[in-house]
Amino acid sequence: MLHLSRKEGESIVFPGRSLRPFDDDQIEIVVLDIVGDKVRLGIDAPDAIEVYRHEVWRGIRRDERKEREHGNLNS
C-alpha cells in the first residue's frame, strides 16, 4: 500500500491509460478540508468510473455474491 501525506488543497492523480496531460480518463483526489480527525476529499473522475465509500462497496459485493449463490445474477 502506498502512503502519502497531503496538505489541504494538495492532490494525487491517477493518470489513466493515455498518459497524456489533461486527458479525460484521469482520476484526481484533492484534500478539500481537514477539521480535527476528519478529512474531506474531492474526487474528479470520468463519468464511467463509479466511486463508492468502502463500506458501500463491500455491501454491493456481498449482495452480488448472495445473488450469484442463489442463481439470480448472471456471472
Protein backbone atom coordinates (compact mmCIF):
# COMPACT_ATOMS: atom_id res chain seq x y z
CA MET A 1 0.00 0.00 0.00
CA LEU A 2 1.32 3.44 -0.92
CA HIS A 3 1.22 6.00 1.92
CA LEU A 4 1.13 9.68 1.01
CA SER A 5 0.95 12.86 3.05
CA ARG A 6 -1.05 15.69 1.54
CA LYS A 7 -1.98 19.10 2.87
CA GLU A 8 -5.24 20.93 2.32
CA GLY A 9 -5.52 21.89 -1.35
CA GLU A 10 -3.00 19.27 -2.49
CA SER A 11 -3.97 16.27 -4.60
CA ILE A 12 -2.92 12.96 -6.08
CA VAL A 13 -3.59 11.90 -9.68
CA PHE A 14 -4.14 8.50 -11.31
CA PRO A 15 -3.19 9.41 -14.89
CA GLY A 16 -5.32 6.93 -16.81
CA ARG A 17 -4.26 4.92 -19.81
CA SER A 18 -3.15 7.52 -22.32
CA LEU A 19 -0.61 9.22 -20.01
CA ARG A 20 -1.16 12.47 -21.91
CA PRO A 21 -1.69 15.51 -19.68
CA PHE A 22 -5.25 16.80 -19.28
CA ASP A 23 -6.94 13.74 -20.79
CA ASP A 24 -10.43 12.94 -19.55
CA ASP A 25 -9.54 9.48 -18.26
CA GLN A 26 -7.51 10.61 -15.26
CA ILE A 27 -8.70 10.49 -11.64
CA GLU A 28 -7.73 13.25 -9.23
CA ILE A 29 -8.28 13.17 -5.47
CA VAL A 30 -7.98 16.53 -3.69
CA VAL A 31 -7.81 17.21 0.06
CA LEU A 32 -10.55 19.82 0.44
CA ASP A 33 -10.54 20.34 4.18
CA ILE A 34 -9.11 18.92 7.39
CA VAL A 35 -11.03 19.51 10.61
CA GLY A 36 -9.99 17.57 13.69
CA ASP A 37 -9.85 13.89 12.73
CA LYS A 38 -11.99 14.34 9.57
CA VAL A 39 -10.60 14.78 6.07
CA ARG A 40 -12.88 15.92 3.25
CA LEU A 41 -11.83 14.67 -0.18
CA GLY A 42 -12.90 15.78 -3.62
CA ILE A 43 -12.77 13.18 -6.38
CA ASP A 44 -12.70 14.16 -10.05
CA ALA A 45 -13.17 11.05 -12.19
CA PRO A 46 -14.62 10.21 -15.61
CA ASP A 47 -18.39 9.59 -15.64
CA ALA A 48 -17.77 5.93 -16.49
CA ILE A 49 -15.93 5.41 -13.18
CA GLU A 50 -18.15 4.64 -10.22
CA VAL A 51 -16.85 5.91 -6.87
CA TYR A 52 -18.09 4.43 -3.57
CA ARG A 53 -17.27 4.66 0.08
CA HIS A 54 -15.60 1.38 1.08
CA GLU A 55 -18.45 0.20 3.31
CA VAL A 56 -20.96 0.75 0.48
CA TRP A 57 -18.74 -1.15 -1.98
CA ARG A 58 -18.45 -4.09 0.46
CA GLY A 59 -22.26 -4.19 0.70
CA ILE A 60 -22.65 -4.20 -3.09
CA ARG A 61 -20.13 -7.02 -3.44
CA ARG A 62 -21.79 -9.01 -0.65
CA ASP A 63 -25.20 -8.65 -2.33
CA GLU A 64 -23.76 -9.73 -5.70
CA ARG A 65 -22.22 -12.84 -4.12
CA LYS A 66 -25.54 -13.73 -2.48
CA GLU A 67 -27.39 -13.31 -5.77
CA ARG A 68 -24.85 -15.49 -7.61
CA GLU A 69 -25.13 -18.18 -4.92
CA HIS A 70 -28.90 -18.23 -5.36
CA GLY A 71 -28.70 -18.17 -9.17
CA ASN A 72 -30.31 -14.75 -9.53
CA LEU A 73 -27.41 -12.97 -11.23
CA ASN A 74 -25.71 -13.82 -14.49
CA SER A 75 -21.96 -14.05 -13.93
